Amino acid sequence: MSIKAKMIHTTIKYRHLFKGQMRPEVIDKATSIAKLRQDCDETAERFFKPIPGISFKPSDYEDFYAEWVEIENTPKEKAVLYFHGGGFVMGNARSHRNIVGNFVKHLGIKALAFNYRLAPEHPAPAAVNDSVAIYSWLLEEGYQPQNIAFAGDSAGGGIALATLLKCKDDGLPLPGVCAVLSPCTDMTLSGASHKSREKADPCTPKGANETYLAHYVGGGEPKHPYASPLFGDLSGLPPTIIQVGNNETLRDDSTRFAKKAKAAGVDVEIKVWKGMFHCFPLLAPMFPEASEALEEVSQFIRKKLEP
């Protein structure tokens, strides 16, 4: 692990001290979702820095807010549909502007970020239904499926994979490629890494996975593929790249999904990064491993979307 990565790892692990708290945060059913959302939005606004050459423009989609994240001299016929993270309960297109803007800058292809409905008010499969709807709109706007990439982080990565399954069931043509970072694919939390990587994970507060996933499932079936894509029929999915850290409780959500997808004949590329944490590529170019991982994702997408 690089020195810069170690520094950031330590900063994340002990972030509670910077807030004047002696103990790490704990998330449970009593945690205010409204406060989480407010903190998420305020933090994103406070740390947002304009990215040279990147613009954010509201789209013409009418059912909910979505915005184009664009960079000059990109191919007009190609687009990324970006699924933001946030534990299924928080986050939106605006809070992810730094992340999506940086991604577009590296990739060189414009992205459409959108506000799918959030739990607990709207449990699964509301987010997936919203995602299918805006993907269908992209197709209606004239974008060819082979020129569209799905990309998402954390909860958004899981929603992206579940959306592929719903699109397949609905008979919609699937996008040309999918890229996910530390996707959440299993609402039953059955992966061994939830226990084995608990102490190593610097990002995930105690109780967070259990609480967020319970909100997302609501009164539904946790093993339904539109909630937990790990349990779906993965045959026929497009080429997919997965990046995940070894030091995260959601590690096995990625490794088990990749193993099952490969067995189903899917073109899957997965990399488990030693010492890395949840969604670390999003921090590029802050340390070498993040930059390398984001470049691998970008190369994979560009290669699969080439005519």
C-alpha atoms as a PDB file:
ATOM      1  CA  MET A   1       0.000   0.000   0.000  1.00  0.00           C
ATOM      2  CA  SER A   2       1.328   3.432  -0.912  1.00  0.00           C
ATOM      3  CA  ILE A   3       2.146   5.971   1.783  1.00  0.00           C
ATOM      4  CA  LYS A   4      -0.637   8.261   0.565  1.00  0.00           C
ATOM      5  CA  ALA A   5      -3.131   5.393   0.695  1.00  0.00           C
ATOM      6  CA  LYS A   6      -2.085   4.562   4.254  1.00  0.00           C
ATOM      7  CA  MET A   7      -2.565   8.198   5.275  1.00  0.00           C
ATOM      8  CA  ILE A   8      -6.061   8.329   3.800  1.00  0.00           C
ATOM      9  CA  HIS A   9      -6.918   4.942   5.302  1.00  0.00           C
ATOM     10  CA  THR A  10      -5.948   6.256   8.741  1.00  0.00           C
ATOM     11  CA  THR A  11      -7.838   9.526   8.238  1.00  0.00           C
ATOM     12  CA  ILE A  12     -11.015   7.637   7.333  1.00  0.00           C
ATOM     13  CA  LYS A  13     -10.658   5.186  10.218  1.00  0.00           C
ATOM     14  CA  TYR A  14     -10.286   7.955  12.815  1.00  0.00           C
ATOM     15  CA  ARG A  15     -12.591  10.532  11.206  1.00  0.00           C
ATOM     16  CA  HIS A  16     -14.737  10.622  14.336  1.00  0.00           C
ATOM     17  CA  LEU A  17     -11.864  12.292  16.189  1.00  0.00           C
ATOM     18  CA  PHE A  18     -11.864  15.160  13.703  1.00  0.00           C
ATOM     19  CA  LYS A  19     -15.532  15.685  14.587  1.00  0.00           C
ATOM     20  CA  GLY A  20     -14.718  15.859  18.287  1.00  0.00           C
ATOM     21  CA  GLN A  21     -16.194  12.417  18.991  1.00  0.00           C
ATOM     22  CA  MET A  22     -14.256   9.965  21.141  1.00  0.00           C
ATOM     23  CA  ARG A  23     -15.969   6.897  19.734  1.00  0.00           C
ATOM     24  CA  PRO A  24     -16.711   5.847  16.147  1.00  0.00           C
ATOM     25  CA  GLU A  25     -20.215   6.418  14.810  1.00  0.00           C
ATOM     26  CA  VAL A  26     -22.834   3.696  15.250  1.00  0.00           C
ATOM     27  CA  ILE A  27     -25.779   3.356  12.868  1.00  0.00           C
ATOM     28  CA  ASP A  28     -29.011   1.690  13.981  1.00  0.00           C
ATOM     29  CA  LYS A  29     -32.766   1.941  13.458  1.00  0.00           C
ATOM     30  CA  ALA A  30     -32.896   5.010  15.715  1.00  0.00           C
ATOM     31  CA  THR A  31     -30.460   6.905  13.477  1.00  0.00           C
ATOM     32  CA  SER A  32     -32.168   9.836  11.775  1.00  0.00           C
ATOM     33  CA  ILE A  33     -32.325   9.297   8.017  1.00  0.00           C
ATOM     34  CA  ALA A  34     -33.117  12.987   7.550  1.00  0.00           C
ATOM     35  CA  LYS A  35     -29.936  13.914   9.428  1.00  0.00           C
ATOM     36  CA  LEU A  36     -27.866  11.453   7.383  1.00  0.00           C
ATOM     37  CA  ARG A  37     -29.175  13.008   4.174  1.00  0.00           C
ATOM     38  CA  GLN A  38     -28.552  16.517   5.413  1.00  0.00           C
ATOM     39  CA  ASP A  39     -24.994  15.679   6.440  1.00  0.00           C
ATOM     40  CA  CYS A  40     -24.394  13.960   3.101  1.00  0.00           C
ATOM     41  CA  ASP A  41     -25.628  16.954   1.106  1.00  0.00           C
ATOM     42  CA  GLU A  42     -23.836  19.526   3.233  1.00  0.00           C
ATOM     43  CA  THR A  43     -20.548  17.634   3.104  1.00  0.00           C
ATOM     44  CA  ALA A  44     -20.810  17.268  -0.672  1.00  0.00           C
ATOM     45  CA  GLU A  45     -21.540  20.968  -1.073  1.00  0.00           C
ATOM     46  CA  ARG A  46     -18.724  21.980   1.247  1.00  0.00           C
ATOM     47  CA  PHE A  47     -16.109  19.906  -0.550  1.00  0.00           C
ATOM     48  CA  PHE A  48     -17.346  20.392  -4.106  1.00  0.00           C
ATOM     49  CA  LYS A  49     -14.709  21.922  -6.349  1.00  0.00           C
ATOM     50  CA  PRO A  50     -15.395  22.878  -9.972  1.00  0.00           C
ATOM     51  CA  ILE A  51     -13.605  20.490 -12.312  1.00  0.00           C
ATOM     52  CA  PRO A  52     -12.024  22.245 -15.298  1.00  0.00           C
ATOM     53  CA  GLY A  53     -13.868  21.366 -18.505  1.00  0.00           C
ATOM     54  CA  ILE A  54     -16.769  19.615 -16.734  1.00  0.00           C
ATOM     55  CA  SER A  55     -20.313  20.990 -16.859  1.00  0.00           C
ATOM     56  CA  PHE A  56     -23.524  19.925 -15.108  1.00  0.00           C
ATOM     57  CA  LYS A  57     -26.769  20.420 -17.024  1.00  0.00           C
ATOM     58  CA  PRO A  58     -30.307  19.359 -16.054  1.00  0.00           C
ATOM     59  CA  SER A  59     -31.686  16.768 -18.456  1.00  0.00           C
ATOM     60  CA  ASP A  60     -35.081  16.834 -20.139  1.00  0.00           C
ATOM     61  CA  TYR A  61     -36.249  13.772 -18.231  1.00  0.00           C
ATOM     62  CA  GLU A  62     -39.505  14.691 -16.498  1.00  0.00           C
ATOM     63  CA  ASP A  63     -40.272  12.023 -13.879  1.00  0.00           C
ATOM     64  CA  PHE A  64     -37.429  12.915 -11.492  1.00  0.00           C
ATOM     65  CA  TYR A  65     -34.260  14.996 -11.467  1.00  0.00           C
ATOM     66  CA  ALA A  66     -31.377  13.877 -13.646  1.00  0.00           C
ATOM     67  CA  GLU A  67     -28.410  15.827 -14.939  1.00  0.00           C
ATOM     68  CA  TRP A  68     -25.863  15.458 -17.687  1.00  0.00           C
ATOM     69  CA  VAL A  69     -22.242  15.571 -16.599  1.00  0.00           C
ATOM     70  CA  GLU A  70     -20.334  16.557 -19.722  1.00  0.00           C
ATOM     71  CA  ILE A  71     -16.838  17.248 -20.943  1.00  0.00           C
ATOM     72  CA  GLU A  72     -15.881  18.864 -24.215  1.00  0.00           C
ATOM     73  CA  ASN A  73     -15.088  16.858 -27.346  1.00  0.00           C
ATOM     74  CA  THR A  74     -16.732  13.633 -26.215  1.00  0.00           C
ATOM     75  CA  PRO A  75     -18.564  11.315 -28.620  1.00  0.00           C
ATOM     76  CA  LYS A  76     -22.193  12.422 -28.872  1.00  0.00           C
ATOM     77  CA  GLU A  77     -23.531   8.919 -29.384  1.00  0.00           C
ATOM     78  CA  LYS A  78     -22.078   7.422 -26.186  1.00  0.00           C
ATOM     79  CA  ALA A  79     -23.285   7.844 -22.599  1.00  0.00           C
ATOM     80  CA  VAL A  80     -22.830   6.471 -19.102  1.00  0.00           C
ATOM     81  CA  LEU A  81     -25.866   5.994 -16.878  1.00  0.00           C
ATOM     82  CA  TYR A  82     -24.428   6.608 -13.404  1.00  0.00           C
ATOM     83  CA  PHE A  83     -26.021   5.076 -10.291  1.00  0.00           C
ATOM     84  CA  HIS A  84     -24.958   7.026  -7.198  1.00  0.00           C
ATOM     85  CA  GLY A  85     -24.178   5.365  -3.879  1.00  0.00           C
ATOM     86  CA  GLY A  86     -25.390   6.272  -0.413  1.00  0.00           C
ATOM     87  CA  GLY A  87     -26.527   3.132   1.368  1.00  0.00           C
ATOM     88  CA  PHE A  88     -29.878   3.149  -0.465  1.00  0.00           C
ATOM     89  CA  VAL A  89     -31.081   5.879   1.918  1.00  0.00           C
ATOM     90  CA  MET A  90     -29.148   9.021   0.947  1.00  0.00           C
ATOM     91  CA  GLY A  91     -27.242  10.682  -1.867  1.00  0.00           C
ATOM     92  CA  ASN A  92     -28.357  12.164  -5.179  1.00  0.00           C
ATOM     93  CA  ALA A  93     -26.998  13.468  -8.465  1.00  0.00           C
ATOM     94  CA  ARG A  94     -25.817  16.746  -6.931  1.00  0.00           C
ATOM     95  CA  SER A  95     -24.105  15.149  -3.925  1.00  0.00           C
ATOM     96  CA  HIS A  96     -22.156  12.955  -6.359  1.00  0.00           C
ATOM     97  CA  ARG A  97     -20.967  15.770  -8.629  1.00  0.00           C
ATOM     98  CA  ASN A  98     -17.339  15.498  -7.543  1.00  0.00           C
ATOM     99  CA  ILE A  99     -17.414  11.743  -8.080  1.00  0.00           C
ATOM    100  CA  VAL A 100     -19.225  11.653 -11.415  1.00  0.00           C
ATOM    101  CA  GLY A 101     -17.373  14.706 -12.735  1.00  0.00           C
ATOM    102  CA  ASN A 102     -14.021  13.121 -11.925  1.00  0.00           C
ATOM    103  CA  PHE A 103     -15.171   9.852 -13.500  1.00  0.00           C
ATOM    104  CA  VAL A 104     -16.224  11.624 -16.701  1.00  0.00           C
ATOM    105  CA  LYS A 105     -12.909  13.480 -16.803  1.00  0.00           C
ATOM    106  CA  HIS A 106     -10.986  10.190 -16.697  1.00  0.00           C
ATOM    107  CA  LEU A 107     -13.325   8.299 -19.015  1.00  0.00           C
ATOM    108  CA  GLY A 108     -13.954  10.922 -21.677  1.00  0.00           C
ATOM    109  CA  ILE A 109     -17.628   9.985 -22.045  1.00  0.00           C
ATOM    110  CA  LYS A 110     -20.548  12.053 -20.738  1.00  0.00           C
ATOM    111  CA  ALA A 111     -22.690  10.656 -17.926  1.00  0.00           C
ATOM    112  CA  LEU A 112     -26.295  10.960 -16.823  1.00  0.00           C
ATOM    113  CA  ALA A 113     -26.654  10.968 -13.022  1.00  0.00           C
ATOM    114  CA  PHE A 114     -30.155  10.687 -11.568  1.00  0.00           C
ATOM    115  CA  ASN A 115     -32.190  10.741  -8.364  1.00  0.00           C
ATOM    116  CA  TYR A 116     -33.753   7.318  -7.942  1.00  0.00           C
ATOM    117  CA  ARG A 117     -36.203   7.019  -5.034  1.00  0.00           C
ATOM    118  CA  LEU A 118     -34.646   6.310  -1.653  1.00  0.00           C
ATOM    119  CA  ALA A 119     -35.475   3.975   1.218  1.00  0.00           C
ATOM    120  CA  PRO A 120     -37.043   3.701   3.722  1.00  0.00           C
ATOM    121  CA  GLU A 121     -39.881   5.716   2.153  1.00  0.00           C
ATOM    122  CA  HIS A 122     -39.453   3.797  -1.095  1.00  0.00           C
ATOM    123  CA  PRO A 123     -38.010   0.307  -0.496  1.00  0.00           C
ATOM    124  CA  ALA A 124     -36.878  -2.067  -3.235  1.00  0.00           C
ATOM    125  CA  PRO A 125     -37.612  -2.337  -6.094  1.00  0.00           C
ATOM    126  CA  ALA A 126     -38.480   1.389  -6.392  1.00  0.00           C
ATOM    127  CA  ALA A 127     -34.897   2.387  -7.210  1.00  0.00           C
ATOM    128  CA  VAL A 128     -34.637  -0.344  -9.840  1.00  0.00           C
ATOM    129  CA  ASN A 129     -37.956   0.665 -11.406  1.00  0.00           C
ATOM    130  CA  ASP A 130     -36.747   4.268 -11.617  1.00  0.00           C
ATOM    131  CA  SER A 131     -33.492   3.113 -13.172  1.00  0.00           C
ATOM    132  CA  VAL A 132     -35.253   1.038 -15.815  1.00  0.00           C
ATOM    133  CA  ALA A 133     -37.471   4.019 -16.597  1.00  0.00           C
ATOM    134  CA  ILE A 134     -34.616   6.453 -17.207  1.00  0.00           C
ATOM    135  CA  TYR A 135     -32.652   3.843 -19.175  1.00  0.00           C
ATOM    136  CA  SER A 136     -35.724   3.344 -21.354  1.00  0.00           C
ATOM    137  CA  TRP A 137     -35.835   7.119 -21.840  1.00  0.00           C
ATOM    138  CA  LEU A 138     -32.208   7.093 -23.004  1.00  0.00           C
ATOM    139  CA  LEU A 139     -33.134   4.474 -25.592  1.00  0.00           C
ATOM    140  CA  GLU A 140     -36.124   6.556 -26.678  1.00  0.00           C
ATOM    141  CA  GLU A 141     -33.794   9.552 -27.047  1.00  0.00           C
ATOM    142  CA  GLY A 142     -31.909   7.614 -29.693  1.00  0.00           C
ATOM    143  CA  TYR A 143     -28.959   6.198 -27.770  1.00  0.00           C
ATOM    144  CA  GLN A 144     -28.112   2.698 -28.945  1.00  0.00           C
ATOM    145  CA  PRO A 145     -27.757   0.141 -26.124  1.00  0.00           C
ATOM    146  CA  GLN A 146     -24.292  -0.899 -27.298  1.00  0.00           C
ATOM    147  CA  ASN A 147     -23.189   2.733 -26.789  1.00  0.00           C
ATOM    148  CA  ILE A 148     -24.448   2.950 -23.199  1.00  0.00           C
ATOM    149  CA  ALA A 149     -22.513   1.990 -20.082  1.00  0.00           C
ATOM    150  CA  PHE A 150     -23.954   1.382 -16.630  1.00  0.00           C
ATOM    151  CA  ALA A 151     -21.682   2.525 -13.786  1.00  0.00           C
ATOM    152  CA  GLY A 152     -22.260   2.791 -10.056  1.00  0.00           C
ATOM    153  CA  ASP A 153     -20.696   2.740  -6.628  1.00  0.00           C
ATOM    154  CA  SER A 154     -21.705   0.841  -3.483  1.00  0.00           C
ATOM    155  CA  ALA A 155     -25.506   0.795  -3.219  1.00  0.00           C
ATOM    156  CA  GLY A 156     -25.640   2.303  -6.696  1.00  0.00           C
ATOM    157  CA  GLY A 157     -23.506  -0.540  -8.006  1.00  0.00           C
ATOM    158  CA  GLY A 158     -25.970  -3.048  -6.621  1.00  0.00           C
ATOM    159  CA  ILE A 159     -28.889  -1.145  -8.126  1.00  0.00           C
ATOM    160  CA  ALA A 160     -27.106  -1.065 -11.488  1.00  0.00           C
ATOM    161  CA  LEU A 161     -26.698  -4.849 -11.465  1.00  0.00           C
ATOM    162  CA  ALA A 162     -30.297  -5.382 -10.371  1.00  0.00           C
ATOM    163  CA  THR A 163     -31.438  -3.025 -13.129  1.00  0.00           C
ATOM    164  CA  LEU A 164     -29.702  -5.235 -15.676  1.00  0.00           C
ATOM    165  CA  LEU A 165     -31.760  -8.175 -14.428  1.00  0.00           C
ATOM    166  CA  LYS A 166     -35.017  -6.190 -14.600  1.00  0.00           C
ATOM    167  CA  CYS A 167     -34.190  -4.955 -18.104  1.00  0.00           C
ATOM    168  CA  LYS A 168     -33.515  -8.543 -19.180  1.00  0.00           C
ATOM    169  CA  ASP A 169     -36.820  -9.702 -17.689  1.00  0.00           C
ATOM    170  CA  ASP A 170     -38.658  -6.831 -19.402  1.00  0.00           C
ATOM    171  CA  GLY A 171     -37.133  -7.642 -22.770  1.00  0.00           C
ATOM    172  CA  LEU A 172     -35.157  -4.403 -23.030  1.00  0.00           C
ATOM    173  CA  PRO A 173     -31.820  -4.493 -24.878  1.00  0.00           C
ATOM    174  CA  LEU A 174     -29.006  -4.455 -22.367  1.00  0.00           C
ATOM    175  CA  PRO A 175     -26.260  -1.804 -22.314  1.00  0.00           C
ATOM    176  CA  GLY A 176     -22.870  -2.514 -23.828  1.00  0.00           C
ATOM    177  CA  VAL A 177     -20.953  -2.662 -20.558  1.00  0.00           C
ATOM    178  CA  CYS A 178     -21.296  -2.340 -16.787  1.00  0.00           C
ATOM    179  CA  ALA A 179     -18.739  -1.068 -14.263  1.00  0.00           C
ATOM    180  CA  VAL A 180     -19.328  -1.234 -10.522  1.00  0.00           C
ATOM    181  CA  LEU A 181     -17.234  -0.268  -7.510  1.00  0.00           C
ATOM    182  CA  SER A 182     -17.784  -2.208  -4.269  1.00  0.00           C
ATOM    183  CA  PRO A 183     -21.369  -3.097  -5.223  1.00  0.00           C
ATOM    184  CA  CYS A 184     -23.868  -4.186  -2.577  1.00  0.00           C
ATOM    185  CA  THR A 185     -25.416  -7.324  -4.063  1.00  0.00           C
ATOM    186  CA  ASP A 186     -26.707  -9.367  -1.103  1.00  0.00           C
ATOM    187  CA  MET A 187     -29.376  -8.006   1.243  1.00  0.00           C
ATOM    188  CA  THR A 188     -29.077 -11.097   3.467  1.00  0.00           C
ATOM    189  CA  LEU A 189     -25.517 -10.126   4.505  1.00  0.00           C
ATOM    190  CA  SER A 190     -24.451 -13.758   4.114  1.00  0.00           C
ATOM    191  CA  GLY A 191     -20.915 -13.018   2.900  1.00  0.00           C
ATOM    192  CA  ALA A 192     -18.158 -14.094   5.275  1.00  0.00           C
ATOM    193  CA  SER A 193     -16.428 -10.718   4.882  1.00  0.00           C
ATOM    194  CA  HIS A 194     -19.128  -9.029   6.965  1.00  0.00           C
ATOM    195  CA  LYS A 195     -17.441 -10.662   9.933  1.00  0.00           C
ATOM    196  CA  SER A 196     -13.895 -11.341   8.765  1.00  0.00           C
ATOM    197  CA  ARG A 197     -13.266  -7.791   7.504  1.00  0.00           C
ATOM    198  CA  GLU A 198     -15.223  -5.905  10.173  1.00  0.00           C
ATOM    199  CA  LYS A 199     -12.151  -4.682  12.062  1.00  0.00           C
ATOM    200  CA  ALA A 200     -10.176  -4.009   8.884  1.00  0.00           C
ATOM    201  CA  ASP A 201     -12.924  -1.879   7.292  1.00  0.00           C
ATOM    202  CA  PRO A 202     -12.252   1.823   8.013  1.00  0.00           C
ATOM    203  CA  CYS A 203     -15.314   3.140   6.174  1.00  0.00           C
ATOM    204  CA  THR A 204     -18.382   1.291   7.383  1.00  0.00           C
ATOM    205  CA  PRO A 205     -19.799   2.378  10.769  1.00  0.00           C
ATOM    206  CA  LYS A 206     -20.934  -0.359  13.113  1.00  0.00           C
ATOM    207  CA  GLY A 207     -24.495  -1.383  12.271  1.00  0.00           C
ATOM    208  CA  ALA A 208     -24.569   0.549   8.982  1.00  0.00           C
ATOM    209  CA  ASN A 209     -24.926  -2.409   6.618  1.00  0.00           C
ATOM    210  CA  GLU A 210     -27.626  -4.057   8.711  1.00  0.00           C
ATOM    211  CA  THR A 211     -29.589  -0.820   9.108  1.00  0.00           C
ATOM    212  CA  TYR A 212     -29.379   0.470   5.547  1.00  0.00           C
ATOM    213  CA  LEU A 213     -30.163  -2.890   3.991  1.00  0.00           C
ATOM    214  CA  ALA A 214     -33.138  -3.422   6.304  1.00  0.00           C
ATOM    215  CA  HIS A 215     -34.499  -0.036   5.214  1.00  0.00           C
ATOM    216  CA  TYR A 216     -33.987  -0.962   1.562  1.00  0.00           C
ATOM    217  CA  VAL A 217     -35.664  -4.377   1.782  1.00  0.00           C
ATOM    218  CA  GLY A 218     -38.557  -3.009   3.851  1.00  0.00           C
ATOM    219  CA  GLY A 219     -41.276  -5.635   3.961  1.00  0.00           C
ATOM    220  CA  GLY A 220     -40.016  -7.327   0.805  1.00  0.00           C
ATOM    221  CA  GLU A 221     -38.049 -10.481   0.126  1.00  0.00           C
ATOM    222  CA  PRO A 222     -34.314  -9.905   0.756  1.00  0.00           C
ATOM    223  CA  LYS A 223     -33.353 -12.580  -1.784  1.00  0.00           C
ATOM    224  CA  HIS A 224     -35.428 -11.110  -4.620  1.00  0.00           C
ATOM    225  CA  PRO A 225     -33.025 -10.424  -7.524  1.00  0.00           C
ATOM    226  CA  TYR A 226     -34.223  -6.825  -7.851  1.00  0.00           C
ATOM    227  CA  ALA A 227     -33.024  -6.256  -4.267  1.00  0.00           C
ATOM    228  CA  SER A 228     -30.147  -8.762  -4.192  1.00  0.00           C
ATOM    229  CA  PRO A 229     -28.812  -9.312  -7.725  1.00  0.00           C
ATOM    230  CA  LEU A 230     -26.499 -12.014  -6.362  1.00  0.00           C
ATOM    231  CA  PHE A 231     -29.507 -14.351  -6.266  1.00  0.00           C
ATOM    232  CA  GLY A 232     -30.682 -13.656  -9.819  1.00  0.00           C
ATOM    233  CA  ASP A 233     -30.148 -15.472 -13.120  1.00  0.00           C
ATOM    234  CA  LEU A 234     -26.975 -13.739 -14.311  1.00  0.00           C
ATOM    235  CA  SER A 235     -26.784 -15.327 -17.739  1.00  0.00           C
ATOM    236  CA  GLY A 236     -26.791 -12.919 -20.655  1.00  0.00           C
ATOM    237  CA  LEU A 237     -25.484  -9.900 -18.741  1.00  0.00           C
ATOM    238  CA  PRO A 238     -23.110  -7.536 -20.557  1.00  0.00           C
ATOM    239  CA  PRO A 239     -19.339  -7.413 -19.982  1.00  0.00           C
ATOM    240  CA  THR A 240     -18.791  -6.259 -16.398  1.00  0.00           C
ATOM    241  CA  ILE A 241     -15.841  -4.954 -14.411  1.00  0.00           C
ATOM    242  CA  ILE A 242     -15.831  -4.964 -10.606  1.00  0.00           C
ATOM    243  CA  GLN A 243     -13.310  -3.193  -8.384  1.00  0.00           C
ATOM    244  CA  VAL A 244     -13.352  -3.878  -4.650  1.00  0.00           C
ATOM    245  CA  GLY A 245     -11.020  -3.534  -1.656  1.00  0.00           C
ATOM    246  CA  ASN A 246      -9.901  -6.456   0.468  1.00  0.00           C
ATOM    247  CA  ASN A 247     -10.463  -4.376   3.604  1.00  0.00           C
ATOM    248  CA  GLU A 248     -14.209  -3.921   3.356  1.00  0.00           C
ATOM    249  CA  THR A 249     -17.154  -5.795   4.757  1.00  0.00           C
ATOM    250  CA  LEU A 250     -18.856  -5.820   1.333  1.00  0.00           C
ATOM    251  CA  ARG A 251     -15.905  -7.576  -0.324  1.00  0.00           C
ATOM    252  CA  ASP A 252     -17.729 -10.879  -0.723  1.00  0.00           C
ATOM    253  CA  ASP A 253     -20.711  -9.165  -2.347  1.00  0.00           C
ATOM    254  CA  SER A 254     -18.320  -8.533  -5.240  1.00  0.00           C
ATOM    255  CA  THR A 255     -16.345 -11.792  -5.264  1.00  0.00           C
ATOM    256  CA  ARG A 256     -19.421 -14.023  -5.019  1.00  0.00           C
ATOM    257  CA  PHE A 257     -21.282 -12.078  -7.700  1.00  0.00           C
ATOM    258  CA  ALA A 258     -18.283 -12.261 -10.038  1.00  0.00           C
ATOM    259  CA  LYS A 259     -17.879 -16.002  -9.472  1.00  0.00           C
ATOM    260  CA  LYS A 260     -21.555 -16.664 -10.176  1.00  0.00           C
ATOM    261  CA  ALA A 261     -21.591 -14.384 -13.226  1.00  0.00           C
ATOM    262  CA  LYS A 262     -18.511 -16.106 -14.689  1.00  0.00           C
ATOM    263  CA  ALA A 263     -20.171 -19.484 -14.170  1.00  0.00           C
ATOM    264  CA  ALA A 264     -23.160 -18.146 -16.103  1.00  0.00           C
ATOM    265  CA  GLY A 265     -20.924 -17.228 -19.026  1.00  0.00           C
ATOM    266  CA  VAL A 266     -20.639 -13.492 -18.405  1.00  0.00           C
ATOM    267  CA  ASP A 267     -17.467 -11.630 -19.419  1.00  0.00           C
ATOM    268  CA  VAL A 268     -16.427 -10.490 -15.924  1.00  0.00           C
ATOM    269  CA  GLU A 269     -13.228  -8.820 -14.799  1.00  0.00           C
ATOM    270  CA  ILE A 270     -12.800  -8.445 -11.038  1.00  0.00           C
ATOM    271  CA  LYS A 271      -9.908  -7.123  -9.009  1.00  0.00           C
ATOM    272  CA  VAL A 272      -9.643  -7.330  -5.229  1.00  0.00           C
ATOM    273  CA  TRP A 273      -7.149  -4.723  -4.058  1.00  0.00           C
ATOM    274  CA  LYS A 274      -4.976  -5.619  -1.076  1.00  0.00           C
ATOM    275  CA  GLY A 275      -5.345  -3.167   1.795  1.00  0.00           C
ATOM    276  CA  MET A 276      -7.926  -1.062  -0.019  1.00  0.00           C
ATOM    277  CA  PHE A 277     -11.230   0.135   1.369  1.00  0.00           C
ATOM    278  CA  HIS A 278     -14.788   0.745   0.213  1.00  0.00           C
ATOM    279  CA  CYS A 279     -15.082   2.507  -3.179  1.00  0.00           C
ATOM    280  CA  PHE A 280     -11.462   3.668  -3.046  1.00  0.00           C
ATOM    281  CA  PRO A 281     -11.199   4.351  -6.842  1.00  0.00           C
ATOM    282  CA  LEU A 282     -13.521   7.329  -6.330  1.00  0.00           C
ATOM    283  CA  LEU A 283     -10.673   9.111  -4.530  1.00  0.00           C
ATOM    284  CA  ALA A 284      -8.445   9.254  -7.608  1.00  0.00           C
ATOM    285  CA  PRO A 285      -6.026  10.991  -8.040  1.00  0.00           C
ATOM    286  CA  MET A 286      -5.376  11.287  -4.286  1.00  0.00           C
ATOM    287  CA  PHE A 287      -3.236   8.133  -4.199  1.00  0.00           C
ATOM    288  CA  PRO A 288      -1.748   5.769  -6.812  1.00  0.00           C
ATOM    289  CA  GLU A 289      -3.982   2.745  -6.217  1.00  0.00           C
ATOM    290  CA  ALA A 290      -7.131   4.822  -6.726  1.00  0.00           C
ATOM    291  CA  SER A 291      -5.820   6.293  -9.968  1.00  0.00           C
ATOM    292  CA  GLU A 292      -4.774   2.888 -11.270  1.00  0.00           C
ATOM    293  CA  ALA A 293      -8.135   1.325 -10.444  1.00  0.00           C
ATOM    294  CA  LEU A 294     -10.123   4.157 -12.033  1.00  0.00           C
ATOM    295  CA  GLU A 295      -7.981   3.937 -15.161  1.00  0.00           C
ATOM    296  CA  GLU A 296      -8.609   0.179 -15.376  1.00  0.00           C
ATOM    297  CA  VAL A 297     -12.344   0.823 -15.193  1.00  0.00           C
ATOM    298  CA  SER A 298     -12.120   3.558 -17.824  1.00  0.00           C
ATOM    299  CA  GLN A 299     -10.113   1.379 -20.201  1.00  0.00           C
ATOM    300  CA  PHE A 300     -12.567  -1.491 -19.810  1.00  0.00           C
ATOM    301  CA  ILE A 301     -15.547   0.746 -20.608  1.00  0.00           C
ATOM    302  CA  ARG A 302     -13.848   2.406 -23.583  1.00  0.00           C
ATOM    303  CA  LYS A 303     -12.819  -0.969 -25.003  1.00  0.00           C
ATOM    304  CA  LYS A 304     -16.284  -2.493 -24.707  1.00  0.00           C
ATOM    305  CA  LEU A 305     -17.997   0.573 -26.208  1.00  0.00           C
ATOM    306  CA  GLU A 306     -15.709   0.735 -29.227  1.00  0.00           C
ATOM    307  CA  PRO A 307     -17.606   0.103 -32.473  1.00  0.00           C
END
